[in-house]
Amino acid sequence: MLDFTIDTEKCIQCNQCVTDCPASIIRFESEYPSIAHSREDRCLRCLHCLAICPTAAISILGVQPENCMQIKGNLPSEKQLEVLMRGRRSVRRFRQENVEKALINRLIDLSANAPTAKNAMRLQFTVVDDLD
């Protein structure tokens, strides 16, 4: 179950969630957007509908808009992005010390947001968290 809900107090019926859905499963079949149960299995679980909503009226898969990081105003500047891209190196010198488990868990959670083909999210990690 997708748990697709619309806050009718916030929804301005702009249709952006309908037009942005890559699976084309969101429809205006009543006054507000909805996803028919017969189309739920086609959902890519990409959360585009939640992200595109200008009034934060959509919740899906248990994700509430108030718990999401706002992209607007939080993107790096052109110069910051250039520094990140030019500063990237593939050769690294690793320290001989364990990484904190909290940091490892945060990085794994963050990597779950990396784009995957068709949002398949077939990710698998092998974590070595102890030098011994």
Foldseek 3Di string as FASTA:
>chain_A
DWPKFFQVVQDPPPCPLQVPQPLNQWDCPDPDIDGDPVCVVSHLPLCVSCLRRPRQGIDTNNDGNVPDDNPVPPDDDPVVVVCVVVVDDDDDDDDPDFDDPVVVVVVVVVCCNDDDVSNPSPDDDDDDGDPD
